[in-house]
Amino acid sequence: MSNQVKRNSDHGQTLAAWVLTVSAIIGSALIALGIFLEVDLVWLTGIVIATFGSVISFILHQLGYGQKPKL
């Protein structure tokens, strides 16, 4: 007999996780670049991208494209 526990884990590699990660990286890079270059439009665009990506990721998770809840 085996006492192994079957784990169903995708290590967060879901569409919702990827959207959140990519939008956070791009948004953070634009924020840093905008602050460095002192261009308000660039860092504001970074904030919009990061926020929009977070909202889209949440919606994707609610639609079933995120990691399944652990029981």
PDB file of N, CA and C in Angstrom:
ATOM      1  N   MET A   1       0.832  -1.191   0.000  1.00  0.00           N
ATOM      2  CA  MET A   1       0.000   0.000   0.000  1.00  0.00           C
ATOM      3  C   MET A   1       0.874   1.252   0.000  1.00  0.00           C
ATOM      4  N   SER A   2       0.319   2.242  -0.557  1.00  0.00           N
ATOM      5  CA  SER A   2       1.047   3.498  -0.659  1.00  0.00           C
ATOM      6  C   SER A   2       0.258   4.598   0.037  1.00  0.00           C
ATOM      7  N   ASN A   3       0.968   5.372   0.823  1.00  0.00           N
ATOM      8  CA  ASN A   3       0.333   6.485   1.533  1.00  0.00           C
ATOM      9  C   ASN A   3       0.621   7.810   0.833  1.00  0.00           C
ATOM     10  N   GLN A   4       0.824   7.757  -0.452  1.00  0.00           N
ATOM     11  CA  GLN A   4       1.117   8.972  -1.194  1.00  0.00           C
ATOM     12  C   GLN A   4      -0.147   9.799  -1.372  1.00  0.00           C
ATOM     13  N   VAL A   5       0.029  11.077  -1.242  1.00  0.00           N
ATOM     14  CA  VAL A   5      -1.072  12.007  -1.446  1.00  0.00           C
ATOM     15  C   VAL A   5      -0.982  12.517  -2.877  1.00  0.00           C
ATOM     16  N   LYS A   6      -2.063  12.375  -3.605  1.00  0.00           N
ATOM     17  CA  LYS A   6      -2.079  12.872  -4.974  1.00  0.00           C
ATOM     18  C   LYS A   6      -2.300  14.379  -4.941  1.00  0.00           C
ATOM     19  N   ARG A   7      -1.377  15.093  -5.524  1.00  0.00           N
ATOM     20  CA  ARG A   7      -1.467  16.549  -5.544  1.00  0.00           C
ATOM     21  C   ARG A   7      -1.727  17.011  -6.967  1.00  0.00           C
ATOM     22  N   ASN A   8      -2.701  17.862  -7.081  1.00  0.00           N
ATOM     23  CA  ASN A   8      -3.022  18.428  -8.384  1.00  0.00           C
ATOM     24  C   ASN A   8      -2.633  19.900  -8.352  1.00  0.00           C
ATOM     25  N   SER A   9      -1.383  20.165  -8.679  1.00  0.00           N
ATOM     26  CA  SER A   9      -0.886  21.530  -8.605  1.00  0.00           C
ATOM     27  C   SER A   9      -0.298  21.940  -9.949  1.00  0.00           C
ATOM     28  N   ASP A  10      -0.631  23.138 -10.371  1.00  0.00           N
ATOM     29  CA  ASP A  10      -0.062  23.644 -11.612  1.00  0.00           C
ATOM     30  C   ASP A  10       0.998  24.705 -11.332  1.00  0.00           C
ATOM     31  N   HIS A  11       1.389  24.841 -10.072  1.00  0.00           N
ATOM     32  CA  HIS A  11       2.425  25.783  -9.651  1.00  0.00           C
ATOM     33  C   HIS A  11       2.121  27.206 -10.094  1.00  0.00           C
ATOM     34  N   GLY A  12       0.854  27.535 -10.195  1.00  0.00           N
ATOM     35  CA  GLY A  12       0.463  28.888 -10.563  1.00  0.00           C
ATOM     36  C   GLY A  12       0.637  29.221 -12.026  1.00  0.00           C
ATOM     37  N   GLN A  13       0.927  28.224 -12.848  1.00  0.00           N
ATOM     38  CA  GLN A  13       1.131  28.480 -14.275  1.00  0.00           C
ATOM     39  C   GLN A  13      -0.208  28.462 -14.998  1.00  0.00           C
ATOM     40  N   THR A  14      -0.983  29.489 -14.744  1.00  0.00           N
ATOM     41  CA  THR A  14      -2.304  29.621 -15.351  1.00  0.00           C
ATOM     42  C   THR A  14      -2.355  30.927 -16.133  1.00  0.00           C
ATOM     43  N   LEU A  15      -3.366  31.052 -16.943  1.00  0.00           N
ATOM     44  CA  LEU A  15      -3.518  32.283 -17.718  1.00  0.00           C
ATOM     45  C   LEU A  15      -3.645  33.496 -16.796  1.00  0.00           C
ATOM     46  N   ALA A  16      -4.428  33.366 -15.734  1.00  0.00           N
ATOM     47  CA  ALA A  16      -4.607  34.485 -14.803  1.00  0.00           C
ATOM     48  C   ALA A  16      -3.277  34.881 -14.157  1.00  0.00           C
ATOM     49  N   ALA A  17      -2.475  33.901 -13.781  1.00  0.00           N
ATOM     50  CA  ALA A  17      -1.182  34.189 -13.155  1.00  0.00           C
ATOM     51  C   ALA A  17      -0.220  34.854 -14.138  1.00  0.00           C
ATOM     52  N   TRP A  18      -0.212  34.388 -15.380  1.00  0.00           N
ATOM     53  CA  TRP A  18       0.675  34.973 -16.382  1.00  0.00           C
ATOM     54  C   TRP A  18       0.281  36.407 -16.712  1.00  0.00           C
ATOM     55  N   VAL A  19      -1.012  36.666 -16.817  1.00  0.00           N
ATOM     56  CA  VAL A  19      -1.470  38.039 -17.091  1.00  0.00           C
ATOM     57  C   VAL A  19      -1.037  38.963 -15.960  1.00  0.00           C
ATOM     58  N   LEU A  20      -1.209  38.512 -14.723  1.00  0.00           N
ATOM     59  CA  LEU A  20      -0.819  39.321 -13.572  1.00  0.00           C
ATOM     60  C   LEU A  20       0.689  39.568 -13.562  1.00  0.00           C
ATOM     61  N   THR A  21       1.473  38.532 -13.807  1.00  0.00           N
ATOM     62  CA  THR A  21       2.930  38.654 -13.784  1.00  0.00           C
ATOM     63  C   THR A  21       3.446  39.584 -14.876  1.00  0.00           C
ATOM     64  N   VAL A  22       2.982  39.379 -16.090  1.00  0.00           N
ATOM     65  CA  VAL A  22       3.460  40.199 -17.211  1.00  0.00           C
ATOM     66  C   VAL A  22       3.046  41.660 -17.039  1.00  0.00           C
ATOM     67  N   SER A  23       1.810  41.889 -16.619  1.00  0.00           N
ATOM     68  CA  SER A  23       1.368  43.279 -16.435  1.00  0.00           C
ATOM     69  C   SER A  23       2.121  43.948 -15.288  1.00  0.00           C
ATOM     70  N   ALA A  24       2.454  43.201 -14.244  1.00  0.00           N
ATOM     71  CA  ALA A  24       3.218  43.772 -13.133  1.00  0.00           C
ATOM     72  C   ALA A  24       4.640  44.125 -13.569  1.00  0.00           C
ATOM     73  N   ILE A  25       5.261  43.257 -14.355  1.00  0.00           N
ATOM     74  CA  ILE A  25       6.626  43.528 -14.822  1.00  0.00           C
ATOM     75  C   ILE A  25       6.650  44.733 -15.762  1.00  0.00           C
ATOM     76  N   ILE A  26       5.751  44.746 -16.734  1.00  0.00           N
ATOM     77  CA  ILE A  26       5.715  45.863 -17.687  1.00  0.00           C
ATOM     78  C   ILE A  26       5.339  47.160 -16.976  1.00  0.00           C
ATOM     79  N   GLY A  27       4.330  47.097 -16.113  1.00  0.00           N
ATOM     80  CA  GLY A  27       3.911  48.286 -15.377  1.00  0.00           C
ATOM     81  C   GLY A  27       5.018  48.837 -14.493  1.00  0.00           C
ATOM     82  N   SER A  28       5.715  47.952 -13.780  1.00  0.00           N
ATOM     83  CA  SER A  28       6.813  48.387 -12.907  1.00  0.00           C
ATOM     84  C   SER A  28       7.954  49.003 -13.703  1.00  0.00           C
ATOM     85  N   ALA A  29       8.266  48.395 -14.841  1.00  0.00           N
ATOM     86  CA  ALA A  29       9.340  48.937 -15.682  1.00  0.00           C
ATOM     87  C   ALA A  29       8.978  50.333 -16.190  1.00  0.00           C
ATOM     88  N   LEU A  30       7.732  50.515 -16.605  1.00  0.00           N
ATOM     89  CA  LEU A  30       7.312  51.834 -17.090  1.00  0.00           C
ATOM     90  C   LEU A  30       7.291  52.867 -15.968  1.00  0.00           C
ATOM     91  N   ILE A  31       6.872  52.454 -14.783  1.00  0.00           N
ATOM     92  CA  ILE A  31       6.874  53.381 -13.643  1.00  0.00           C
ATOM     93  C   ILE A  31       8.303  53.833 -13.342  1.00  0.00           C
ATOM     94  N   ALA A  32       9.224  52.877 -13.284  1.00  0.00           N
ATOM     95  CA  ALA A  32      10.625  53.215 -13.004  1.00  0.00           C
ATOM     96  C   ALA A  32      11.210  54.107 -14.099  1.00  0.00           C
ATOM     97  N   LEU A  33      10.937  53.768 -15.348  1.00  0.00           N
ATOM     98  CA  LEU A  33      11.448  54.562 -16.468  1.00  0.00           C
ATOM     99  C   LEU A  33      10.866  55.977 -16.451  1.00  0.00           C
ATOM    100  N   GLY A  34       9.574  56.070 -16.172  1.00  0.00           N
ATOM    101  CA  GLY A  34       8.932  57.382 -16.129  1.00  0.00           C
ATOM    102  C   GLY A  34       9.464  58.263 -15.021  1.00  0.00           C
ATOM    103  N   ILE A  35       9.737  57.657 -13.868  1.00  0.00           N
ATOM    104  CA  ILE A  35      10.303  58.432 -12.762  1.00  0.00           C
ATOM    105  C   ILE A  35      11.732  58.856 -13.099  1.00  0.00           C
ATOM    106  N   PHE A  36      12.501  57.927 -13.671  1.00  0.00           N
ATOM    107  CA  PHE A  36      13.892  58.232 -14.028  1.00  0.00           C
ATOM    108  C   PHE A  36      13.975  59.345 -15.072  1.00  0.00           C
ATOM    109  N   LEU A  37      13.114  59.277 -16.082  1.00  0.00           N
ATOM    110  CA  LEU A  37      13.132  60.278 -17.155  1.00  0.00           C
ATOM    111  C   LEU A  37      12.311  61.520 -16.820  1.00  0.00           C
ATOM    112  N   GLU A  38      11.617  61.485 -15.707  1.00  0.00           N
ATOM    113  CA  GLU A  38      10.754  62.582 -15.267  1.00  0.00           C
ATOM    114  C   GLU A  38       9.683  62.905 -16.304  1.00  0.00           C
ATOM    115  N   VAL A  39       9.038  61.838 -16.804  1.00  0.00           N
ATOM    116  CA  VAL A  39       7.949  61.982 -17.774  1.00  0.00           C
ATOM    117  C   VAL A  39       6.693  61.402 -17.125  1.00  0.00           C
ATOM    118  N   ASP A  40       5.779  62.292 -16.757  1.00  0.00           N
ATOM    119  CA  ASP A  40       4.585  61.865 -16.030  1.00  0.00           C
ATOM    120  C   ASP A  40       3.735  60.865 -16.801  1.00  0.00           C
ATOM    121  N   LEU A  41       3.592  61.062 -18.086  1.00  0.00           N
ATOM    122  CA  LEU A  41       2.747  60.182 -18.885  1.00  0.00           C
ATOM    123  C   LEU A  41       3.247  58.733 -18.864  1.00  0.00           C
ATOM    124  N   VAL A  42       4.556  58.550 -18.824  1.00  0.00           N
ATOM    125  CA  VAL A  42       5.121  57.198 -18.843  1.00  0.00           C
ATOM    126  C   VAL A  42       4.823  56.476 -17.538  1.00  0.00           C
ATOM    127  N   TRP A  43       5.067  57.108 -16.385  1.00  0.00           N
ATOM    128  CA  TRP A  43       4.809  56.401 -15.132  1.00  0.00           C
ATOM    129  C   TRP A  43       3.320  56.250 -14.861  1.00  0.00           C
ATOM    130  N   LEU A  44       2.511  57.184 -15.332  1.00  0.00           N
ATOM    131  CA  LEU A  44       1.063  57.010 -15.195  1.00  0.00           C
ATOM    132  C   LEU A  44       0.565  55.846 -16.058  1.00  0.00           C
ATOM    133  N   THR A  45       1.148  55.685 -17.236  1.00  0.00           N
ATOM    134  CA  THR A  45       0.809  54.545 -18.092  1.00  0.00           C
ATOM    135  C   THR A  45       1.185  53.238 -17.402  1.00  0.00           C
ATOM    136  N   GLY A  46       2.316  53.214 -16.721  1.00  0.00           N
ATOM    137  CA  GLY A  46       2.724  52.032 -15.964  1.00  0.00           C
ATOM    138  C   GLY A  46       1.740  51.684 -14.864  1.00  0.00           C
ATOM    139  N   ILE A  47       1.238  52.693 -14.170  1.00  0.00           N
ATOM    140  CA  ILE A  47       0.245  52.457 -13.118  1.00  0.00           C
ATOM    141  C   ILE A  47      -1.038  51.902 -13.718  1.00  0.00           C
ATOM    142  N   VAL A  48      -1.456  52.462 -14.848  1.00  0.00           N
ATOM    143  CA  VAL A  48      -2.676  51.986 -15.513  1.00  0.00           C
ATOM    144  C   VAL A  48      -2.512  50.535 -15.961  1.00  0.00           C
ATOM    145  N   ILE A  49      -1.375  50.197 -16.548  1.00  0.00           N
ATOM    146  CA  ILE A  49      -1.145  48.825 -17.013  1.00  0.00           C
ATOM    147  C   ILE A  49      -1.139  47.847 -15.842  1.00  0.00           C
ATOM    148  N   ALA A  50      -0.457  48.184 -14.761  1.00  0.00           N
ATOM    149  CA  ALA A  50      -0.409  47.297 -13.598  1.00  0.00           C
ATOM    150  C   ALA A  50      -1.797  47.119 -12.982  1.00  0.00           C
ATOM    151  N   THR A  51      -2.554  48.186 -12.876  1.00  0.00           N
ATOM    152  CA  THR A  51      -3.900  48.107 -12.309  1.00  0.00           C
ATOM    153  C   THR A  51      -4.833  47.330 -13.224  1.00  0.00           C
ATOM    154  N   PHE A  52      -4.796  47.626 -14.508  1.00  0.00           N
ATOM    155  CA  PHE A  52      -5.638  46.937 -15.482  1.00  0.00           C
ATOM    156  C   PHE A  52      -5.316  45.440 -15.504  1.00  0.00           C
ATOM    157  N   GLY A  53      -4.035  45.096 -15.445  1.00  0.00           N
ATOM    158  CA  GLY A  53      -3.630  43.694 -15.419  1.00  0.00           C
ATOM    159  C   GLY A  53      -4.131  42.969 -14.186  1.00  0.00           C
ATOM    160  N   SER A  54      -4.128  43.651 -13.042  1.00  0.00           N
ATOM    161  CA  SER A  54      -4.642  43.046 -11.811  1.00  0.00           C
ATOM    162  C   SER A  54      -6.134  42.763 -11.918  1.00  0.00           C
ATOM    163  N   VAL A  55      -6.870  43.702 -12.471  1.00  0.00           N
ATOM    164  CA  VAL A  55      -8.318  43.524 -12.631  1.00  0.00           C
ATOM    165  C   VAL A  55      -8.619  42.398 -13.617  1.00  0.00           C
ATOM    166  N   ILE A  56      -7.923  42.377 -14.746  1.00  0.00           N
ATOM    167  CA  ILE A  56      -8.130  41.322 -15.743  1.00  0.00           C
ATOM    168  C   ILE A  56      -7.768  39.958 -15.160  1.00  0.00           C
ATOM    169  N   SER A  57      -6.687  39.887 -14.396  1.00  0.00           N
ATOM    170  CA  SER A  57      -6.286  38.625 -13.769  1.00  0.00           C
ATOM    171  C   SER A  57      -7.353  38.133 -12.795  1.00  0.00           C
ATOM    172  N   PHE A  58      -7.923  39.033 -12.014  1.00  0.00           N
ATOM    173  CA  PHE A  58      -8.988  38.661 -11.080  1.00  0.00           C
ATOM    174  C   PHE A  58     -10.203  38.134 -11.837  1.00  0.00           C
ATOM    175  N   ILE A  59     -10.571  38.810 -12.917  1.00  0.00           N
ATOM    176  CA  ILE A  59     -11.718  38.371 -13.723  1.00  0.00           C
ATOM    177  C   ILE A  59     -11.446  37.000 -14.338  1.00  0.00           C
ATOM    178  N   LEU A  60     -10.238  36.792 -14.869  1.00  0.00           N
ATOM    179  CA  LEU A  60      -9.887  35.492 -15.437  1.00  0.00           C
ATOM    180  C   LEU A  60      -9.959  34.392 -14.382  1.00  0.00           C
ATOM    181  N   HIS A  61      -9.499  34.697 -13.174  1.00  0.00           N
ATOM    182  CA  HIS A  61      -9.572  33.714 -12.089  1.00  0.00           C
ATOM    183  C   HIS A  61     -11.027  33.359 -11.778  1.00  0.00           C
ATOM    184  N   GLN A  62     -11.887  34.360 -11.746  1.00  0.00           N
ATOM    185  CA  GLN A  62     -13.302  34.116 -11.473  1.00  0.00           C
ATOM    186  C   GLN A  62     -13.962  33.314 -12.595  1.00  0.00           C
ATOM    187  N   LEU A  63     -13.455  33.433 -13.813  1.00  0.00           N
ATOM    188  CA  LEU A  63     -13.997  32.692 -14.953  1.00  0.00           C
ATOM    189  C   LEU A  63     -13.433  31.275 -15.055  1.00  0.00           C
ATOM    190  N   GLY A  64     -12.522  30.919 -14.142  1.00  0.00           N
ATOM    191  CA  GLY A  64     -11.990  29.561 -14.122  1.00  0.00           C
ATOM    192  C   GLY A  64     -10.638  29.390 -14.773  1.00  0.00           C
ATOM    193  N   TYR A  65      -9.967  30.478 -15.107  1.00  0.00           N
ATOM    194  CA  TYR A  65      -8.654  30.398 -15.738  1.00  0.00           C
ATOM    195  C   TYR A  65      -7.517  30.543 -14.732  1.00  0.00           C
ATOM    196  N   GLY A  66      -7.827  30.458 -13.460  1.00  0.00           N
ATOM    197  CA  GLY A  66      -6.810  30.528 -12.415  1.00  0.00           C
ATOM    198  C   GLY A  66      -6.650  29.180 -11.747  1.00  0.00           C
ATOM    199  N   GLN A  67      -5.848  29.152 -10.702  1.00  0.00           N
ATOM    200  CA  GLN A  67      -5.626  27.910  -9.976  1.00  0.00           C
ATOM    201  C   GLN A  67      -6.891  27.526  -9.212  1.00  0.00           C
ATOM    202  N   LYS A  68      -7.203  26.257  -9.233  1.00  0.00           N
ATOM    203  CA  LYS A  68      -8.397  25.758  -8.549  1.00  0.00           C
ATOM    204  C   LYS A  68      -8.209  25.881  -7.040  1.00  0.00           C
ATOM    205  N   PRO A  69      -9.285  26.147  -6.295  1.00  0.00           N
ATOM    206  CA  PRO A  69      -9.162  26.254  -4.840  1.00  0.00           C
ATOM    207  C   PRO A  69      -8.769  24.914  -4.223  1.00  0.00           C
ATOM    208  N   LYS A  70      -7.966  24.985  -3.180  1.00  0.00           N
ATOM    209  CA  LYS A  70      -7.549  23.767  -2.483  1.00  0.00           C
ATOM    210  C   LYS A  70      -8.633  23.354  -1.496  1.00  0.00           C
ATOM    211  N   LEU A  71      -8.950  22.089  -1.498  1.00  0.00           N
ATOM    212  CA  LEU A  71      -9.990  21.582  -0.598  1.00  0.00           C
ATOM    213  C   LEU A  71      -9.411  20.980   0.639  1.00  0.00           C
TER     214      LEU A  71
END
